[in-house]
Protein backbone atom coordinates (compact mmCIF):
# COMPACT_ATOMS: atom_id res chain seq x y z
CA MET A 1 -9.02 -15.21 -1.44
CA LYS A 2 -12.67 -16.64 -1.87
CA ASN A 3 -14.10 -14.32 0.57
CA LEU A 4 -12.16 -11.30 -1.01
CA THR A 5 -13.54 -12.05 -4.36
CA VAL A 6 -17.08 -12.32 -3.01
CA SER A 7 -16.61 -9.01 -1.07
CA LEU A 8 -15.30 -7.18 -4.09
CA LEU A 9 -17.86 -8.73 -6.25
CA ILE A 10 -20.52 -7.65 -3.90
CA THR A 11 -19.46 -4.12 -3.40
CA ILE A 12 -19.12 -3.80 -7.55
CA SER A 13 -22.98 -5.48 -7.76
CA ALA A 14 -24.20 -2.89 -5.41
CA PHE A 15 -23.16 -0.02 -7.48
CA CYS A 16 -24.33 -1.56 -10.67
CA ALA A 17 -27.74 -2.06 -9.36
CA SER A 18 -27.83 1.70 -8.15
CA GLY A 19 -27.73 2.46 -11.89
CA ALA A 20 -24.34 3.37 -11.99
CA ASN A 21 -22.45 2.34 -15.15
CA VAL A 22 -18.86 2.01 -13.75
CA ALA A 23 -18.36 1.99 -9.92
CA PRO A 24 -16.59 5.34 -9.04
CA VAL A 25 -14.25 3.50 -6.80
CA THR A 26 -12.82 -0.18 -6.80
CA VAL A 27 -10.47 -1.51 -4.27
CA GLN A 28 -8.28 -4.27 -4.78
CA PHE A 29 -5.19 -6.15 -2.98
CA THR A 30 -1.88 -8.04 -3.82
CA ASN A 31 -1.67 -10.62 -1.03
CA PRO A 32 -3.35 -8.81 2.18
CA ALA A 33 -1.81 -11.92 4.08
CA LYS A 34 1.46 -10.46 3.58
CA PHE A 35 0.71 -6.80 4.50
CA THR A 36 2.82 -5.37 7.71
CA ASP A 37 -0.60 -5.32 9.87
CA PHE A 38 -3.77 -5.85 8.35
CA GLN A 39 -6.00 -7.87 10.97
CA ILE A 40 -9.47 -6.56 12.75
CA ARG A 41 -11.58 -8.26 14.98
CA GLY A 42 -9.45 -11.57 15.38
CA ARG A 43 -10.19 -12.20 12.00
CA ASP A 44 -7.55 -13.14 9.08
CA ALA A 45 -6.59 -10.97 6.15
CA ASN A 46 -9.27 -12.10 3.58
CA TYR A 47 -12.10 -10.74 6.21
CA THR A 48 -9.97 -7.82 6.79
CA ALA A 49 -9.65 -7.17 3.17
CA GLY A 50 -13.38 -7.28 2.44
CA VAL A 51 -14.36 -4.81 5.34
CA PHE A 52 -11.58 -2.35 4.20
CA ALA A 53 -12.78 -2.70 0.55
CA SER A 54 -16.05 -1.80 1.63
CA ASP A 55 -15.52 0.99 3.95
CA VAL A 56 -13.10 2.76 1.73
CA THR A 57 -15.32 2.30 -1.21
CA ALA A 58 -18.42 4.18 1.11
CA GLU A 59 -15.88 6.45 1.92
CA LEU A 60 -14.36 7.51 -1.13
CA THR A 61 -17.41 7.32 -3.45
CA PRO A 62 -19.03 10.53 -2.43
CA VAL A 63 -15.74 12.58 -2.91
CA MET A 64 -15.50 10.97 -6.55
CA LYS A 65 -19.06 11.56 -7.42
CA GLN A 66 -18.24 15.33 -6.53
CA LYS A 67 -14.79 15.94 -7.59
CA TYR A 68 -14.61 13.59 -10.66
CA PRO A 69 -18.37 12.76 -11.94
CA ASN A 70 -18.40 9.96 -14.04
CA ALA A 71 -14.82 8.88 -13.48
CA SER A 72 -13.68 5.67 -12.03
CA LEU A 73 -10.74 5.09 -9.39
CA VAL A 74 -8.89 1.51 -9.05
CA LEU A 75 -6.70 1.46 -5.56
CA LEU A 76 -4.51 -1.60 -5.61
CA PHE A 77 -2.99 -1.82 -2.24
CA THR A 78 0.55 -3.35 -2.25
CA ASP A 79 0.94 -3.04 1.69
CA ILE A 80 -1.20 -1.77 4.90
CA ASP A 81 -0.03 -1.22 8.52
CA LEU A 82 -3.29 -0.44 10.38
CA ALA A 83 -2.86 2.67 12.76
CA GLY A 84 -2.08 1.39 16.23
CA ARG A 85 -1.52 -2.29 17.09
CA TYR A 86 -3.81 -5.46 17.69
CA ALA A 87 -3.10 -6.56 21.35
CA GLY A 88 -5.73 -8.91 23.26
CA GLY A 89 -8.37 -8.84 20.86
CA THR A 90 -8.56 -4.99 20.56
CA ARG A 91 -6.77 -2.40 18.33
CA VAL A 92 -4.98 0.00 20.34
CA THR A 93 -4.06 3.43 18.59
CA HIS A 94 -1.06 5.35 19.57
CA GLU A 95 0.91 7.87 17.66
CA ALA A 96 4.03 5.26 17.86
CA HIS A 97 1.87 3.61 15.10
CA PRO A 98 0.49 5.72 12.19
CA ALA A 99 -1.78 4.15 9.58
CA GLN A 100 0.55 3.67 6.49
CA MET A 101 -0.42 2.53 3.04
CA ASN A 102 1.00 1.70 -0.37
CA PHE A 103 -1.04 1.29 -3.12
CA ASP A 104 -0.95 1.86 -7.20
CA PHE A 105 -3.72 3.78 -8.49
CA SER A 106 -5.66 4.79 -11.76
CA LEU A 107 -8.16 7.49 -12.37
CA SER A 108 -9.85 7.13 -15.79
CA ASP A 109 -12.82 9.34 -17.34
CA SER A 110 -16.09 7.79 -18.42
CA ASN A 111 -14.52 6.65 -21.63
CA GLY A 112 -11.47 4.95 -20.40
CA LYS A 113 -9.09 7.65 -20.72
CA SER A 114 -6.39 7.83 -17.83
CA LEU A 115 -6.61 11.01 -15.80
CA ALA A 116 -3.90 10.20 -13.44
CA LYS A 117 -1.79 7.10 -12.23
CA GLY A 118 0.94 6.28 -10.15
CA SER A 119 1.96 5.01 -6.90
CA SER A 120 1.64 6.25 -3.45
CA ARG A 121 2.47 5.97 0.13
CA LEU A 122 0.64 7.52 2.82
CA VAL A 123 1.48 7.92 6.43
CA ASP A 124 -0.75 9.78 8.72
CA SER A 125 1.28 12.58 9.95
CA SER A 126 -1.32 13.96 12.15
CA THR A 127 -1.43 13.20 16.15
CA MET A 128 -4.05 10.69 17.15
CA SER A 129 -4.98 13.07 19.75
CA SER A 130 -6.00 15.62 17.61
CA HIS A 131 -9.12 13.74 16.81
CA PHE A 132 -9.99 13.10 20.20
CA ARG A 133 -13.58 14.84 20.10
CA ASP A 134 -14.29 13.20 16.76
CA PRO A 135 -17.04 10.59 17.47
CA ARG A 136 -16.08 8.49 14.35
CA ARG A 137 -12.63 7.79 15.80
CA SER A 138 -13.71 4.36 17.41
CA GLN A 139 -14.83 3.26 14.09
CA VAL A 140 -12.89 0.62 12.29
CA PHE A 141 -10.34 2.03 9.76
CA TYR A 142 -11.17 5.82 10.94
CA TYR A 143 -7.32 7.02 10.57
CA GLU A 144 -7.18 4.85 7.18
CA ARG A 145 -10.11 6.00 5.54
CA ARG A 146 -9.55 9.88 6.79
CA LEU A 147 -6.03 9.37 5.01
CA LEU A 148 -7.09 8.26 1.88
CA ASN A 149 -9.91 10.78 2.09
CA ARG A 150 -7.49 13.76 2.32
CA TRP A 151 -5.51 12.07 -0.77
CA LEU A 152 -8.15 11.88 -3.04
CA ARG A 153 -9.01 15.47 -2.33
CA THR A 154 -5.91 16.63 -3.10
CA LEU A 155 -5.04 14.20 -6.38
CA SER A 156 -4.96 16.09 -9.24
CA PRO A 157 -5.32 14.72 -13.05
CA ARG A 158 -2.40 15.51 -15.32
CA PRO A 159 -2.73 18.10 -17.96
């Protein structure tokens, strides 16, 4: 848990140091050690959570700045099942094991007023072979980042 806290503090500090008043994206977890499948590089869930938080923040920040300038998004992940399966020190992606994520979210404006909040369950319904030519597909959390990016682009604040 200590590694997770340090990773989150580093991420938040980096945004504050860059001149932003509030981090556009904050990633949190409820007990990542209990997630369905949340292991990379043979490391524990806390290590994976730190890398995941950093990667998701980097992926979603440009979308937030474009679609919701000066707003902030908090994602609280309650379960993650990474795309593919971990076998023999390597993550092998297969259509039978798509990325799946459950999370609560809160989107707020610069004054803290809630623009949208709720819970989501995302399942990557695209075929993994449809991304065969994308050179980024070998990156860690490629399918998860892409899924969250699509979700954020379609998120609509309530009137």
